[in-house]
Amino acid sequence: MAICFGAMFPIVNPFSTAPLFVSLTAEMSPEQIRRQALKGCLYGFAILMVFLLLGARISNFFGISVPGIRVAGGLIIAAVGYRMLFPKPKAPVASQDKGPPQSIEIAFTPIAMPSLAGPGSISVVLAGATRIRSFPVDDWVPILAGVTVGLAATFVIAFIVLRGAGSLVRFLGHNGIDAMTRIFGFLLMCISMEFLLGGIAEFYGISRA
């Protein structure tokens, strides 16, 4: 569970989603903000659980090997981490743009996907799902249970962050959010290297100490 949480939390990174969530819910009531945060986290959790439970079947259907998934996942995570570590300058927002109307649903898109459950987190779960299939069948249930608890803990914290996103952005400021995003970007780059090296070593049958 701890390993799953440690791998997933930096890439889900609700802190980087907080400014977007604040801007999209600017005209919503506190109850609507809470509902959108809850639904966004539930949607994100459900998306990743689908890939966790069906990931092995998806990889078998398309004939994708575990090393291939690990290398591809490492490349995707590296791209996400690089963009977080070296973000592009944001375009100025027009002053008359005051956010979406209150009736617009933002929970699934863009909060759940691609912000919380994006390509990086999906690739991590997909690689984990295929990896689990390499263990004995008797070990699947406790492993899946541990991964599920780790994912649930990740999205519980994500909900807390999004629920208090307004206060968080005001407390940390844009510079603080930017610094935290860059730190998570660096962690993702490190995780991506582990995926890449692990996939290459597994493909060539090299034992890693």
Protein backbone atom coordinates (compact mmCIF):
# COMPACT_ATOMS: atom_id res chain seq x y z
CA MET A 1 0.00 0.00 0.00
CA ALA A 2 2.77 2.42 0.93
CA ILE A 3 4.61 1.70 -2.33
CA CYS A 4 1.43 2.28 -4.35
CA PHE A 5 0.70 5.51 -2.50
CA GLY A 6 4.29 6.70 -2.92
CA ALA A 7 4.17 6.03 -6.66
CA MET A 8 0.68 7.38 -7.30
CA PHE A 9 0.46 10.52 -5.18
CA PRO A 10 3.18 12.50 -7.00
CA ILE A 11 1.70 11.73 -10.40
CA VAL A 12 -1.92 12.35 -9.37
CA ASN A 13 -0.59 15.53 -7.73
CA PRO A 14 -3.80 17.26 -6.59
CA PHE A 15 -1.76 20.36 -5.70
CA SER A 16 -1.19 21.10 -9.38
CA THR A 17 -4.92 20.64 -10.02
CA ALA A 18 -5.88 23.04 -7.20
CA PRO A 19 -5.43 26.32 -9.18
CA LEU A 20 -7.43 24.90 -12.11
CA PHE A 21 -10.16 23.72 -9.74
CA VAL A 22 -10.32 27.14 -8.06
CA SER A 23 -10.66 28.94 -11.39
CA LEU A 24 -13.37 26.57 -12.67
CA THR A 25 -15.44 26.77 -9.47
CA ALA A 26 -15.12 30.52 -8.92
CA GLU A 27 -18.86 31.15 -9.31
CA MET A 28 -20.06 28.02 -7.53
CA SER A 29 -21.49 27.79 -4.03
CA PRO A 30 -19.53 25.97 -1.27
CA GLU A 31 -21.86 22.97 -1.58
CA GLN A 32 -21.33 22.80 -5.36
CA ILE A 33 -17.57 23.05 -4.89
CA ARG A 34 -17.61 20.19 -2.38
CA ARG A 35 -19.78 18.09 -4.71
CA GLN A 36 -17.54 18.72 -7.73
CA ALA A 37 -14.42 17.85 -5.71
CA LEU A 38 -16.01 14.63 -4.42
CA LYS A 39 -17.30 13.56 -7.84
CA GLY A 40 -13.97 14.38 -9.50
CA CYS A 41 -12.07 12.19 -7.04
CA LEU A 42 -14.61 9.37 -7.31
CA TYR A 43 -14.42 9.48 -11.09
CA GLY A 44 -10.62 9.48 -10.99
CA PHE A 45 -10.57 6.54 -8.57
CA ALA A 46 -13.06 4.60 -10.73
CA ILE A 47 -11.02 5.19 -13.90
CA LEU A 48 -7.83 3.87 -12.31
CA MET A 49 -9.65 0.90 -10.75
CA VAL A 50 -10.97 -0.10 -14.19
CA PHE A 51 -7.42 -0.14 -15.55
CA LEU A 52 -6.20 -1.99 -12.45
CA LEU A 53 -8.78 -4.76 -12.76
CA LEU A 54 -8.83 -5.00 -16.56
CA GLY A 55 -5.28 -3.89 -17.33
CA ALA A 56 -3.94 -7.43 -17.71
CA ARG A 57 -6.74 -8.35 -20.12
CA ILE A 58 -6.14 -5.17 -22.10
CA SER A 59 -2.43 -5.92 -22.41
CA ASN A 60 -3.11 -9.55 -23.38
CA PHE A 61 -5.70 -8.54 -25.96
CA PHE A 62 -3.26 -6.19 -27.68
CA GLY A 63 -0.27 -8.49 -27.15
CA ILE A 64 1.67 -5.98 -25.06
CA SER A 65 4.44 -7.34 -22.84
CA VAL A 66 5.07 -6.20 -19.28
CA PRO A 67 8.52 -4.75 -20.14
CA GLY A 68 6.94 -2.83 -23.02
CA ILE A 69 4.30 -1.35 -20.72
CA ARG A 70 6.92 -0.42 -18.13
CA VAL A 71 9.10 1.33 -20.72
CA ALA A 72 6.13 3.12 -22.32
CA GLY A 73 4.84 4.11 -18.88
CA GLY A 74 8.28 5.40 -17.96
CA LEU A 75 8.41 7.55 -21.07
CA ILE A 76 4.92 8.97 -20.41
CA ILE A 77 5.73 9.69 -16.76
CA ALA A 78 9.00 11.31 -17.83
CA ALA A 79 7.10 13.59 -20.22
CA VAL A 80 4.60 14.54 -17.51
CA GLY A 81 7.37 15.11 -14.97
CA TYR A 82 9.37 17.22 -17.42
CA ARG A 83 6.38 19.48 -18.10
CA MET A 84 5.87 19.85 -14.34
CA LEU A 85 9.57 20.53 -13.72
CA PHE A 86 9.91 22.97 -16.61
CA PRO A 87 6.41 24.37 -17.24
CA LYS A 88 5.67 26.61 -20.19
CA PRO A 89 4.75 30.23 -19.39
CA LYS A 90 1.01 30.55 -18.97
CA ALA A 91 -0.87 32.70 -21.44
CA PRO A 92 -2.56 35.74 -19.89
CA VAL A 93 -6.20 35.21 -19.07
CA ALA A 94 -8.71 37.79 -20.26
CA SER A 95 -10.12 39.80 -17.40
CA GLN A 96 -13.68 39.35 -18.57
CA ASP A 97 -13.41 35.57 -18.28
CA LYS A 98 -15.00 34.84 -14.93
CA GLY A 99 -15.18 31.08 -15.21
CA PRO A 100 -17.84 28.65 -16.34
CA PRO A 101 -21.51 28.94 -15.48
CA GLN A 102 -22.63 27.11 -12.36
CA SER A 103 -24.48 24.48 -14.42
CA ILE A 104 -21.33 23.19 -16.13
CA GLU A 105 -20.03 19.84 -14.85
CA ILE A 106 -16.26 19.86 -14.45
CA ALA A 107 -15.91 16.76 -12.25
CA PHE A 108 -15.17 14.24 -15.01
CA THR A 109 -13.43 16.56 -17.46
CA PRO A 110 -11.05 18.20 -16.83
CA ILE A 111 -10.73 17.37 -13.09
CA ALA A 112 -10.88 13.54 -13.09
CA MET A 113 -9.47 13.16 -16.59
CA PRO A 114 -6.90 14.27 -17.56
CA SER A 115 -5.92 16.16 -14.38
CA LEU A 116 -6.11 13.49 -11.66
CA ALA A 117 -6.33 10.29 -13.72
CA GLY A 118 -4.19 11.30 -16.66
CA PRO A 119 -1.98 9.27 -19.02
CA GLY A 120 0.81 9.05 -16.45
CA SER A 121 -1.31 7.59 -13.64
CA ILE A 122 -3.13 5.27 -16.05
CA SER A 123 0.18 3.94 -17.36
CA VAL A 124 1.41 3.32 -13.80
CA VAL A 125 -1.76 1.38 -12.93
CA LEU A 126 -1.66 -0.52 -16.22
CA ALA A 127 1.95 -1.53 -15.62
CA GLY A 128 1.08 -2.55 -12.05
CA ALA A 129 -1.89 -4.62 -13.23
CA THR A 130 0.24 -6.61 -15.67
CA ARG A 131 2.94 -6.99 -13.04
CA ILE A 132 0.46 -8.47 -10.57
CA ARG A 133 -0.37 -11.21 -13.08
CA SER A 134 3.22 -12.42 -12.82
CA PHE A 135 2.67 -13.39 -9.16
CA PRO A 136 1.00 -16.64 -8.03
CA VAL A 137 -2.79 -16.56 -8.17
CA ASP A 138 -3.06 -16.94 -4.39
CA ASP A 139 -1.21 -13.64 -3.94
CA TRP A 140 -3.45 -11.60 -6.24
CA VAL A 141 -6.16 -10.81 -3.70
CA PRO A 142 -3.93 -9.28 -0.97
CA ILE A 143 -1.87 -7.41 -3.59
CA LEU A 144 -4.96 -5.99 -5.29
CA ALA A 145 -6.41 -5.10 -1.90
CA GLY A 146 -3.24 -3.24 -0.95
CA VAL A 147 -3.13 -1.36 -4.26
CA THR A 148 -6.82 -0.46 -3.94
CA VAL A 149 -6.28 0.91 -0.43
CA GLY A 150 -3.28 2.90 -1.70
CA LEU A 151 -5.35 4.38 -4.53
CA ALA A 152 -8.20 5.16 -2.15
CA ALA A 153 -5.81 6.95 0.25
CA THR A 154 -4.42 8.96 -2.67
CA PHE A 155 -7.85 10.19 -3.72
CA VAL A 156 -8.99 10.86 -0.14
CA ILE A 157 -6.07 13.27 0.18
CA ALA A 158 -6.85 14.63 -3.30
CA PHE A 159 -10.41 15.39 -2.16
CA ILE A 160 -9.13 17.18 0.95
CA VAL A 161 -6.76 19.24 -1.20
CA LEU A 162 -9.44 20.16 -3.76
CA ARG A 163 -12.03 20.84 -1.05
CA GLY A 164 -9.70 23.41 0.50
CA ALA A 165 -8.16 24.48 -2.81
CA GLY A 166 -9.11 28.12 -2.38
CA SER A 167 -7.45 28.40 1.02
CA LEU A 168 -4.48 26.35 -0.18
CA VAL A 169 -3.83 28.62 -3.17
CA ARG A 170 -4.13 31.71 -0.98
CA PHE A 171 -1.79 30.19 1.65
CA LEU A 172 0.92 28.88 -0.68
CA GLY A 173 0.47 31.47 -3.39
CA HIS A 174 1.24 30.81 -7.02
CA ASN A 175 4.96 30.62 -6.25
CA GLY A 176 4.37 27.97 -3.58
CA ILE A 177 2.14 25.91 -5.88
CA ASP A 178 4.74 26.25 -8.63
CA ALA A 179 7.53 25.09 -6.30
CA MET A 180 5.51 22.08 -5.12
CA THR A 181 4.65 21.16 -8.70
CA ARG A 182 8.33 21.28 -9.67
CA ILE A 183 9.23 19.06 -6.70
CA PHE A 184 6.63 16.52 -7.76
CA GLY A 185 7.93 16.81 -11.32
CA PHE A 186 11.41 15.85 -10.15
CA LEU A 187 9.99 12.88 -8.20
CA LEU A 188 8.14 11.76 -11.32
CA MET A 189 11.34 11.94 -13.35
CA CYS A 190 12.98 9.64 -10.78
CA ILE A 191 10.00 7.24 -10.89
CA SER A 192 10.10 7.24 -14.69
CA MET A 193 13.77 6.22 -14.65
CA GLU A 194 12.91 3.28 -12.38
CA PHE A 195 10.20 2.22 -14.82
CA LEU A 196 12.51 2.55 -17.82
CA LEU A 197 15.45 0.73 -16.23
CA GLY A 198 13.19 -1.96 -14.82
CA GLY A 199 11.48 -2.53 -18.18
CA ILE A 200 14.77 -2.68 -20.10
CA ALA A 201 16.34 -5.01 -17.53
CA GLU A 202 13.30 -7.28 -17.58
CA PHE A 203 13.26 -7.37 -21.38
CA TYR A 204 16.91 -8.45 -21.58
CA GLY A 205 16.65 -10.71 -18.53
CA ILE A 206 19.07 -8.65 -16.47
CA SER A 207 18.84 -9.01 -12.71
CA ARG A 208 18.77 -5.70 -10.84
CA ALA A 209 20.21 -5.57 -7.33
